[in-house]
């Protein structure tokens, strides 16, 4: 007896897609957080921090239609492999520059711009690929699994959890990069 709403997980391709997307998004969130943190530590400027977000968002917005047109004409899976691999190398470049002590704030702008440009091509390809992964009979179940909504207590944490997270954040934010 299958759990209602989880029929999409019977499709091997969908499970591989789900795991890959989850991994990619987690890496992107970690990288964005690290870039923001490092940039603020380097500059101490909220304005320069906001410009990094602009450097990432502007190419994504400007090139989204072109990325969608390209995703309709090229093999989507190959396009995802290419864009995701380039984003991984971009993240590794940030890590190597930071580890070697040669990272400057302008590196983060350039690398954020490159990631934004790659996202303009990756997101349309990912969304177009998503539609054909499960049989039509399981089509409705792919959205709840993909969205992955946690239970209400996890979604709405208690005040104690919020205070704990705030304390951890403050402790981490107070450290300085050497």
N, C-alpha and C. Protein backbone atom coordinates (compact mmCIF):
# COMPACT_ATOMS: atom_id res chain seq x y z
N UNK A 1 0.85 -1.18 0.00
CA UNK A 1 0.00 0.00 0.00
C UNK A 1 0.90 1.25 0.00
N UNK A 2 0.76 2.03 -1.04
CA UNK A 2 1.58 3.24 -1.17
C UNK A 2 0.98 4.38 -0.36
N UNK A 3 1.84 5.19 0.16
CA UNK A 3 1.37 6.37 0.86
C UNK A 3 0.79 7.34 -0.15
N UNK A 4 -0.38 7.82 0.15
CA UNK A 4 -1.04 8.76 -0.76
C UNK A 4 -0.21 10.04 -0.85
N UNK A 5 0.01 10.48 -2.07
CA UNK A 5 0.77 11.70 -2.29
C UNK A 5 2.25 11.47 -2.54
N UNK A 6 2.71 10.22 -2.43
CA UNK A 6 4.13 9.93 -2.63
C UNK A 6 4.38 9.04 -3.85
N UNK A 7 3.39 8.97 -4.76
CA UNK A 7 3.53 8.12 -5.94
C UNK A 7 4.71 8.54 -6.82
N UNK A 8 5.02 9.82 -6.80
CA UNK A 8 6.12 10.31 -7.64
C UNK A 8 7.45 9.68 -7.24
N UNK A 9 7.58 9.25 -5.99
CA UNK A 9 8.84 8.66 -5.53
C UNK A 9 9.08 7.27 -6.10
N UNK A 10 8.10 6.72 -6.82
CA UNK A 10 8.31 5.44 -7.50
C UNK A 10 9.11 5.61 -8.78
N UNK A 11 9.17 6.82 -9.28
CA UNK A 11 9.92 7.10 -10.50
C UNK A 11 11.39 7.35 -10.14
N UNK A 12 12.26 6.48 -10.64
CA UNK A 12 13.69 6.60 -10.35
C UNK A 12 14.23 7.95 -10.81
N UNK A 13 13.85 8.38 -12.00
CA UNK A 13 14.33 9.65 -12.52
C UNK A 13 13.90 10.83 -11.64
N UNK A 14 12.68 10.76 -11.13
CA UNK A 14 12.20 11.84 -10.27
C UNK A 14 12.99 11.87 -8.96
N UNK A 15 13.26 10.70 -8.39
CA UNK A 15 14.03 10.64 -7.14
C UNK A 15 15.44 11.20 -7.35
N UNK A 16 16.07 10.82 -8.46
CA UNK A 16 17.40 11.36 -8.76
C UNK A 16 17.35 12.87 -8.94
N UNK A 17 16.33 13.33 -9.63
CA UNK A 17 16.15 14.78 -9.82
C UNK A 17 15.94 15.47 -8.48
N UNK A 18 15.09 14.92 -7.65
CA UNK A 18 14.79 15.51 -6.35
C UNK A 18 16.04 15.61 -5.49
N UNK A 19 16.81 14.53 -5.41
CA UNK A 19 18.03 14.53 -4.60
C UNK A 19 19.05 15.52 -5.17
N UNK A 20 19.20 15.52 -6.49
CA UNK A 20 20.13 16.45 -7.12
C UNK A 20 19.74 17.90 -6.90
N UNK A 21 18.44 18.18 -7.04
CA UNK A 21 17.97 19.55 -6.85
C UNK A 21 18.13 19.98 -5.39
N UNK A 22 17.81 19.09 -4.48
CA UNK A 22 17.96 19.39 -3.05
C UNK A 22 19.42 19.70 -2.72
N UNK A 23 20.33 18.89 -3.25
CA UNK A 23 21.75 19.08 -3.02
C UNK A 23 22.22 20.41 -3.62
N UNK A 24 21.79 20.68 -4.84
CA UNK A 24 22.18 21.91 -5.52
C UNK A 24 21.67 23.14 -4.78
N UNK A 25 20.43 23.12 -4.37
CA UNK A 25 19.85 24.26 -3.67
C UNK A 25 20.51 24.48 -2.31
N UNK A 26 20.81 23.39 -1.63
CA UNK A 26 21.48 23.51 -0.34
C UNK A 26 22.86 24.16 -0.53
N UNK A 27 23.58 23.71 -1.53
CA UNK A 27 24.89 24.31 -1.82
C UNK A 27 24.78 25.78 -2.19
N UNK A 28 23.76 26.12 -2.97
CA UNK A 28 23.57 27.52 -3.37
C UNK A 28 23.26 28.40 -2.16
N UNK A 29 22.44 27.89 -1.26
CA UNK A 29 22.09 28.66 -0.05
C UNK A 29 23.30 28.85 0.85
N UNK A 30 24.09 27.79 1.00
CA UNK A 30 25.30 27.88 1.82
C UNK A 30 26.26 28.88 1.19
N UNK A 31 26.42 28.81 -0.13
CA UNK A 31 27.33 29.72 -0.81
C UNK A 31 26.86 31.17 -0.68
N UNK A 32 25.57 31.41 -0.88
CA UNK A 32 25.06 32.78 -0.75
C UNK A 32 25.26 33.32 0.66
N UNK A 33 25.03 32.48 1.63
CA UNK A 33 25.24 32.90 3.02
C UNK A 33 26.72 33.21 3.27
N UNK A 34 27.60 32.33 2.79
CA UNK A 34 29.04 32.55 2.98
C UNK A 34 29.51 33.81 2.27
N UNK A 35 29.04 34.02 1.04
CA UNK A 35 29.44 35.22 0.29
C UNK A 35 28.98 36.48 1.03
N UNK A 36 27.75 36.46 1.50
CA UNK A 36 27.24 37.63 2.22
C UNK A 36 28.03 37.88 3.49
N UNK A 37 28.29 36.84 4.22
CA UNK A 37 29.03 36.97 5.47
C UNK A 37 30.45 37.48 5.22
N UNK A 38 31.15 36.83 4.28
CA UNK A 38 32.52 37.23 4.00
C UNK A 38 32.57 38.67 3.48
N UNK A 39 31.63 39.01 2.60
CA UNK A 39 31.62 40.36 2.05
C UNK A 39 31.40 41.41 3.14
N UNK A 40 30.50 41.11 4.05
CA UNK A 40 30.26 42.06 5.14
C UNK A 40 31.48 42.15 6.07
N UNK A 41 32.13 41.01 6.30
CA UNK A 41 33.33 41.02 7.13
C UNK A 41 34.46 41.80 6.47
N UNK A 42 34.56 41.70 5.13
CA UNK A 42 35.62 42.41 4.41
C UNK A 42 35.37 43.90 4.33
N UNK A 43 34.11 44.29 4.12
CA UNK A 43 33.82 45.70 3.85
C UNK A 43 33.14 46.41 5.01
N UNK A 44 32.33 45.71 5.78
CA UNK A 44 31.56 46.34 6.84
C UNK A 44 30.46 47.25 6.33
N UNK A 45 30.14 47.16 5.05
CA UNK A 45 29.16 48.04 4.43
C UNK A 45 27.91 47.27 4.00
N UNK A 46 26.77 47.72 4.49
CA UNK A 46 25.50 47.11 4.08
C UNK A 46 25.20 47.42 2.61
N UNK A 47 25.62 48.58 2.14
CA UNK A 47 25.40 48.95 0.74
C UNK A 47 26.16 48.01 -0.19
N UNK A 48 27.43 47.76 0.13
CA UNK A 48 28.21 46.84 -0.70
C UNK A 48 27.68 45.42 -0.62
N UNK A 49 27.12 45.07 0.50
CA UNK A 49 26.47 43.76 0.65
C UNK A 49 25.25 43.67 -0.27
N UNK A 50 24.46 44.72 -0.31
CA UNK A 50 23.30 44.75 -1.20
C UNK A 50 23.69 44.71 -2.66
N UNK A 51 24.82 45.32 -3.00
CA UNK A 51 25.29 45.29 -4.39
C UNK A 51 25.67 43.88 -4.83
N UNK A 52 26.12 43.06 -3.90
CA UNK A 52 26.42 41.67 -4.24
C UNK A 52 25.15 40.93 -4.62
N UNK A 53 24.07 41.20 -3.89
CA UNK A 53 22.78 40.61 -4.25
C UNK A 53 22.32 41.08 -5.61
N UNK A 54 22.55 42.35 -5.90
CA UNK A 54 22.20 42.90 -7.21
C UNK A 54 23.04 42.26 -8.30
N UNK A 55 24.32 42.04 -8.02
CA UNK A 55 25.20 41.40 -9.00
C UNK A 55 24.74 39.99 -9.32
N UNK A 56 24.11 39.33 -8.37
CA UNK A 56 23.60 37.98 -8.62
C UNK A 56 22.23 38.00 -9.28
N UNK A 57 21.38 38.94 -8.87
CA UNK A 57 20.00 38.96 -9.38
C UNK A 57 19.87 39.58 -10.76
N UNK A 58 20.66 40.61 -11.05
CA UNK A 58 20.50 41.33 -12.31
C UNK A 58 20.64 40.43 -13.55
N UNK A 59 21.70 39.62 -13.65
CA UNK A 59 21.78 38.76 -14.84
C UNK A 59 20.69 37.69 -14.88
N UNK A 60 20.26 37.22 -13.72
CA UNK A 60 19.20 36.23 -13.69
C UNK A 60 17.92 36.82 -14.27
N UNK A 61 17.59 38.02 -13.85
CA UNK A 61 16.38 38.67 -14.34
C UNK A 61 16.53 39.05 -15.82
N UNK A 62 17.68 39.61 -16.17
CA UNK A 62 17.88 40.09 -17.54
C UNK A 62 17.94 38.96 -18.56
N UNK A 63 18.46 37.82 -18.15
CA UNK A 63 18.67 36.72 -19.10
C UNK A 63 17.68 35.57 -18.97
N UNK A 64 16.68 35.70 -18.13
CA UNK A 64 15.75 34.60 -17.89
C UNK A 64 15.01 34.18 -19.16
N UNK A 65 14.56 35.13 -19.95
CA UNK A 65 13.85 34.78 -21.19
C UNK A 65 14.77 34.09 -22.18
N UNK A 66 15.99 34.56 -22.28
CA UNK A 66 16.96 33.93 -23.17
C UNK A 66 17.28 32.52 -22.66
N UNK A 67 17.45 32.39 -21.35
CA UNK A 67 17.70 31.08 -20.77
C UNK A 67 16.57 30.10 -21.04
N UNK A 68 15.33 30.59 -20.98
CA UNK A 68 14.18 29.74 -21.29
C UNK A 68 14.17 29.30 -22.74
N UNK A 69 14.50 30.22 -23.64
CA UNK A 69 14.54 29.88 -25.07
C UNK A 69 15.64 28.86 -25.35
N UNK A 70 16.79 29.03 -24.70
CA UNK A 70 17.89 28.08 -24.87
C UNK A 70 17.49 26.71 -24.30
N UNK A 71 16.82 26.71 -23.15
CA UNK A 71 16.40 25.45 -22.53
C UNK A 71 15.38 24.71 -23.39
N UNK A 72 14.61 25.43 -24.19
CA UNK A 72 13.66 24.79 -25.09
C UNK A 72 14.33 24.18 -26.31
N UNK A 73 15.53 24.62 -26.62
CA UNK A 73 16.20 24.17 -27.84
C UNK A 73 17.34 23.18 -27.60
N UNK A 74 17.91 23.18 -26.43
CA UNK A 74 19.03 22.29 -26.12
C UNK A 74 18.56 21.15 -25.21
N UNK A 75 19.32 20.07 -25.16
CA UNK A 75 18.99 19.00 -24.21
C UNK A 75 19.08 19.52 -22.77
N UNK A 76 17.97 19.44 -22.07
CA UNK A 76 17.87 20.05 -20.74
C UNK A 76 18.81 19.40 -19.73
N UNK A 77 18.91 18.11 -19.80
CA UNK A 77 19.76 17.40 -18.85
C UNK A 77 21.22 17.81 -19.01
N UNK A 78 21.67 17.88 -20.25
CA UNK A 78 23.05 18.30 -20.51
C UNK A 78 23.26 19.75 -20.07
N UNK A 79 22.24 20.57 -20.29
CA UNK A 79 22.33 21.96 -19.88
C UNK A 79 22.44 22.08 -18.36
N UNK A 80 21.68 21.26 -17.64
CA UNK A 80 21.77 21.26 -16.17
C UNK A 80 23.13 20.77 -15.70
N UNK A 81 23.64 19.71 -16.31
CA UNK A 81 24.98 19.24 -15.93
C UNK A 81 26.00 20.35 -16.12
N UNK A 82 25.92 21.03 -17.23
CA UNK A 82 26.89 22.09 -17.54
C UNK A 82 26.76 23.25 -16.56
N UNK A 83 25.57 23.78 -16.38
CA UNK A 83 25.41 24.96 -15.51
C UNK A 83 25.71 24.63 -14.05
N UNK A 84 25.24 23.49 -13.59
CA UNK A 84 25.48 23.12 -12.20
C UNK A 84 26.96 22.85 -11.94
N UNK A 85 27.65 22.25 -12.91
CA UNK A 85 29.09 22.01 -12.76
C UNK A 85 29.86 23.33 -12.72
N UNK A 86 29.46 24.27 -13.57
CA UNK A 86 30.12 25.58 -13.56
C UNK A 86 29.85 26.33 -12.26
N UNK A 87 28.63 26.21 -11.73
CA UNK A 87 28.33 26.85 -10.44
C UNK A 87 29.15 26.22 -9.32
N UNK A 88 29.34 24.91 -9.38
CA UNK A 88 30.18 24.24 -8.39
C UNK A 88 31.62 24.75 -8.46
N UNK A 89 32.15 24.86 -9.69
CA UNK A 89 33.51 25.37 -9.83
C UNK A 89 33.62 26.82 -9.34
N UNK A 90 32.58 27.58 -9.57
CA UNK A 90 32.55 28.97 -9.09
C UNK A 90 32.60 29.00 -7.56
N UNK A 91 31.82 28.15 -6.93
CA UNK A 91 31.83 28.08 -5.46
C UNK A 91 33.18 27.61 -4.93
N UNK A 92 33.78 26.65 -5.63
CA UNK A 92 35.11 26.19 -5.23
C UNK A 92 36.15 27.29 -5.38
N UNK A 93 36.00 28.13 -6.40
CA UNK A 93 36.92 29.25 -6.59
C UNK A 93 36.83 30.21 -5.40
N UNK A 94 35.62 30.47 -4.93
CA UNK A 94 35.46 31.33 -3.75
C UNK A 94 36.16 30.70 -2.55
N UNK A 95 35.95 29.41 -2.37
CA UNK A 95 36.58 28.71 -1.25
C UNK A 95 38.09 28.72 -1.32
N UNK A 96 38.64 28.48 -2.50
CA UNK A 96 40.10 28.47 -2.66
C UNK A 96 40.67 29.86 -2.42
N UNK A 97 40.01 30.89 -2.97
CA UNK A 97 40.49 32.26 -2.76
C UNK A 97 40.43 32.64 -1.28
N UNK A 98 39.35 32.24 -0.61
CA UNK A 98 39.22 32.55 0.82
C UNK A 98 40.27 31.79 1.63
N UNK A 99 40.46 30.53 1.32
CA UNK A 99 41.41 29.70 2.05
C UNK A 99 42.84 30.20 1.86
N UNK A 100 43.16 30.68 0.64
CA UNK A 100 44.52 31.14 0.36
C UNK A 100 44.78 32.56 0.87
N UNK A 101 43.71 33.23 1.33
CA UNK A 101 43.87 34.58 1.84
C UNK A 101 43.94 35.64 0.75
N UNK A 102 43.60 35.29 -0.47
CA UNK A 102 43.68 36.24 -1.59
C UNK A 102 42.32 36.78 -2.00
N UNK A 103 41.30 36.46 -1.26
CA UNK A 103 39.95 36.88 -1.62
C UNK A 103 39.77 38.37 -1.35
N UNK A 104 39.31 39.08 -2.34
CA UNK A 104 38.98 40.50 -2.20
C UNK A 104 37.50 40.66 -2.53
N UNK A 105 36.94 41.78 -2.08
CA UNK A 105 35.50 41.95 -2.23
C UNK A 105 35.05 41.94 -3.69
N UNK A 106 35.86 42.44 -4.61
CA UNK A 106 35.45 42.47 -6.01
C UNK A 106 35.37 41.07 -6.60
N UNK A 107 36.14 40.13 -6.07
CA UNK A 107 36.02 38.73 -6.52
C UNK A 107 34.61 38.23 -6.28
N UNK A 108 34.06 38.60 -5.12
CA UNK A 108 32.73 38.12 -4.77
C UNK A 108 31.67 38.70 -5.70
N UNK A 109 31.85 39.94 -6.15
CA UNK A 109 30.92 40.53 -7.10
C UNK A 109 30.98 39.81 -8.44
N UNK A 110 32.18 39.56 -8.92
CA UNK A 110 32.34 38.89 -10.21
C UNK A 110 31.76 37.48 -10.14
N UNK A 111 32.11 36.75 -9.10
CA UNK A 111 31.63 35.38 -8.97
C UNK A 111 30.12 35.32 -8.75
N UNK A 112 29.56 36.30 -8.05
CA UNK A 112 28.10 36.37 -7.89
C UNK A 112 27.43 36.66 -9.22
N UNK A 113 28.02 37.53 -10.02
CA UNK A 113 27.48 37.83 -11.34
C UNK A 113 27.50 36.58 -12.23
N UNK A 114 28.60 35.84 -12.18
CA UNK A 114 28.71 34.61 -12.97
C UNK A 114 27.65 33.60 -12.52
N UNK A 115 27.47 33.43 -11.21
CA UNK A 115 26.44 32.50 -10.72
C UNK A 115 25.05 32.96 -11.12
N UNK A 116 24.78 34.26 -11.10
CA UNK A 116 23.49 34.76 -11.54
C UNK A 116 23.24 34.49 -13.01
N UNK A 117 24.28 34.65 -13.81
CA UNK A 117 24.16 34.36 -15.24
C UNK A 117 23.89 32.88 -15.46
N UNK A 118 24.60 32.03 -14.75
CA UNK A 118 24.37 30.58 -14.88
C UNK A 118 22.98 30.19 -14.41
N UNK A 119 22.48 30.84 -13.38
CA UNK A 119 21.13 30.55 -12.88
C UNK A 119 20.06 30.89 -13.91
N UNK A 120 20.32 31.92 -14.71
CA UNK A 120 19.36 32.31 -15.75
C UNK A 120 19.16 31.19 -16.77
N UNK A 121 20.14 30.31 -16.91
CA UNK A 121 20.03 29.19 -17.83
C UNK A 121 19.66 27.90 -17.11
N UNK A 122 20.09 27.76 -15.88
CA UNK A 122 19.83 26.55 -15.11
C UNK A 122 18.37 26.42 -14.69
N UNK A 123 17.79 27.49 -14.19
CA UNK A 123 16.43 27.43 -13.66
C UNK A 123 15.40 27.05 -14.73
N UNK A 124 15.41 27.69 -15.92
CA UNK A 124 14.43 27.27 -16.94
C UNK A 124 14.62 25.82 -17.39
N UNK A 125 15.88 25.39 -17.49
CA UNK A 125 16.13 24.00 -17.88
C UNK A 125 15.62 23.04 -16.81
N UNK A 126 15.83 23.38 -15.54
CA UNK A 126 15.37 22.55 -14.44
C UNK A 126 13.85 22.46 -14.42
N UNK A 127 13.19 23.60 -14.60
CA UNK A 127 11.73 23.62 -14.57
C UNK A 127 11.14 22.87 -15.76
N UNK A 128 11.77 22.97 -16.92
CA UNK A 128 11.27 22.26 -18.09
C UNK A 128 11.50 20.75 -17.96
N UNK A 129 12.61 20.36 -17.39
CA UNK A 129 12.91 18.94 -17.18
C UNK A 129 11.96 18.32 -16.16
N UNK A 130 11.59 19.09 -15.17
CA UNK A 130 10.73 18.63 -14.08
C UNK A 130 9.41 18.07 -14.58
N UNK A 131 8.85 18.65 -15.66
CA UNK A 131 7.52 18.27 -16.14
C UNK A 131 7.46 16.84 -16.65
N UNK A 132 8.53 16.30 -17.19
CA UNK A 132 8.46 14.98 -17.80
C UNK A 132 9.04 13.85 -16.98
N UNK A 133 9.18 14.01 -15.70
CA UNK A 133 9.86 13.00 -14.90
C UNK A 133 8.96 11.90 -14.34
N UNK A 134 7.68 12.16 -14.19
CA UNK A 134 6.78 11.16 -13.60
C UNK A 134 5.64 10.89 -14.57
N UNK A 135 5.03 9.70 -14.47
CA UNK A 135 3.88 9.42 -15.32
C UNK A 135 2.70 10.34 -14.97
N UNK A 136 1.81 10.51 -15.92
CA UNK A 136 0.68 11.42 -15.70
C UNK A 136 -0.18 11.01 -14.51
N UNK A 137 -0.24 9.72 -14.21
CA UNK A 137 -1.06 9.27 -13.07
C UNK A 137 -0.51 9.76 -11.73
N UNK A 138 0.79 10.03 -11.67
CA UNK A 138 1.42 10.50 -10.43
C UNK A 138 1.75 11.99 -10.49
N UNK A 139 1.20 12.68 -11.48
CA UNK A 139 1.56 14.08 -11.70
C UNK A 139 1.26 14.96 -10.49
N UNK A 140 0.14 14.78 -9.84
CA UNK A 140 -0.19 15.64 -8.71
C UNK A 140 0.70 15.42 -7.51
N UNK A 141 1.21 14.21 -7.36
CA UNK A 141 2.02 13.91 -6.17
C UNK A 141 3.43 14.48 -6.25
N UNK A 142 3.87 14.86 -7.43
CA UNK A 142 5.24 15.36 -7.53
C UNK A 142 5.41 16.72 -6.87
N UNK A 143 4.35 17.52 -6.84
CA UNK A 143 4.48 18.85 -6.25
C UNK A 143 4.62 18.82 -4.73
N UNK A 144 3.79 18.06 -4.00
CA UNK A 144 4.00 18.02 -2.54
C UNK A 144 5.35 17.45 -2.16
N UNK A 145 5.82 16.45 -2.89
CA UNK A 145 7.12 15.87 -2.58
C UNK A 145 8.22 16.88 -2.90
N UNK A 146 8.08 17.58 -4.02
CA UNK A 146 9.10 18.53 -4.43
C UNK A 146 9.17 19.72 -3.49
N UNK A 147 8.03 20.21 -3.07
CA UNK A 147 8.00 21.36 -2.18
C UNK A 147 8.54 20.99 -0.81
N UNK A 148 8.30 19.74 -0.37
CA UNK A 148 8.82 19.22 0.88
C UNK A 148 8.47 20.13 2.04
N UNK A 149 7.20 20.16 2.34
CA UNK A 149 6.73 21.00 3.44
C UNK A 149 6.91 20.26 4.75
N UNK A 150 7.70 20.81 5.64
CA UNK A 150 7.86 20.17 6.94
C UNK A 150 6.60 20.34 7.79
N UNK A 151 6.56 19.60 8.86
CA UNK A 151 5.39 19.70 9.73
C UNK A 151 5.32 21.08 10.37
N UNK A 152 4.17 21.41 10.87
CA UNK A 152 3.95 22.75 11.42
C UNK A 152 4.94 23.11 12.55
N UNK A 153 5.25 22.22 13.46
CA UNK A 153 6.21 22.61 14.51
C UNK A 153 7.58 22.98 13.94
N UNK A 154 7.99 22.34 12.85
CA UNK A 154 9.27 22.69 12.25
C UNK A 154 9.16 24.00 11.49
N UNK A 155 7.99 24.22 10.89
CA UNK A 155 7.79 25.43 10.11
C UNK A 155 7.63 26.65 11.00
N UNK A 156 6.98 26.48 12.12
CA UNK A 156 6.75 27.57 13.06
C UNK A 156 7.44 27.22 14.37
N UNK A 157 8.73 27.50 14.48
CA UNK A 157 9.47 27.09 15.67
C UNK A 157 9.02 27.85 16.92
N UNK A 158 9.26 27.23 18.03
CA UNK A 158 8.90 27.85 19.30
C UNK A 158 9.81 29.04 19.58
N UNK A 159 9.41 29.87 20.56
CA UNK A 159 10.22 31.03 20.92
C UNK A 159 11.60 30.60 21.41
N UNK A 160 11.64 29.47 22.11
CA UNK A 160 12.92 28.99 22.62
C UNK A 160 13.87 28.65 21.46
N UNK A 161 13.33 27.99 20.41
CA UNK A 161 14.15 27.65 19.26
C UNK A 161 14.64 28.91 18.55
N UNK A 162 13.76 29.90 18.46
CA UNK A 162 14.15 31.16 17.81
C UNK A 162 15.27 31.82 18.60
N UNK A 163 15.12 31.86 19.93
CA UNK A 163 16.16 32.45 20.77
C UNK A 163 17.47 31.69 20.64
N UNK A 164 17.40 30.36 20.59
CA UNK A 164 18.60 29.55 20.45
C UNK A 164 19.29 29.84 19.13
N UNK A 165 18.50 29.89 18.04
CA UNK A 165 19.07 30.18 16.73
C UNK A 165 19.67 31.58 16.70
N UNK A 166 19.02 32.53 17.33
CA UNK A 166 19.54 33.90 17.37
C UNK A 166 20.85 33.95 18.15
N UNK A 167 20.93 33.20 19.25
CA UNK A 167 22.16 33.16 20.04
C UNK A 167 23.30 32.56 19.23
N UNK A 168 23.03 31.47 18.53
CA UNK A 168 24.05 30.83 17.71
C UNK A 168 24.49 31.78 16.61
N UNK A 169 23.54 32.43 15.96
CA UNK A 169 23.87 33.37 14.90
C UNK A 169 24.73 34.51 15.43
N UNK A 170 24.35 35.06 16.56
CA UNK A 170 25.11 36.17 17.15
C UNK A 170 26.53 35.73 17.51
N UNK A 171 26.66 34.51 18.02
CA UNK A 171 27.99 34.00 18.37
C UNK A 171 28.85 33.84 17.12
N UNK A 172 28.24 33.33 16.05
CA UNK A 172 28.98 33.16 14.80
C UNK A 172 29.29 34.51 14.15
N UNK A 173 28.34 35.41 14.19
CA UNK A 173 28.53 36.72 13.55
C UNK A 173 29.56 37.56 14.27
N UNK A 174 29.80 37.28 15.54
CA UNK A 174 30.75 38.10 16.28
C UNK A 174 32.19 37.68 16.03
N UNK A 175 32.39 36.50 15.41
CA UNK A 175 33.76 36.08 15.11
C UNK A 175 34.28 36.89 13.93
N UNK A 176 35.57 37.07 13.89
CA UNK A 176 36.20 37.84 12.81
C UNK A 176 37.04 36.89 11.98
N UNK A 177 37.11 37.18 10.68
CA UNK A 177 38.00 36.41 9.80
C UNK A 177 39.42 36.85 10.04
N UNK A 178 40.31 35.91 10.12
CA UNK A 178 41.71 36.26 10.36
C UNK A 178 42.44 36.58 9.08
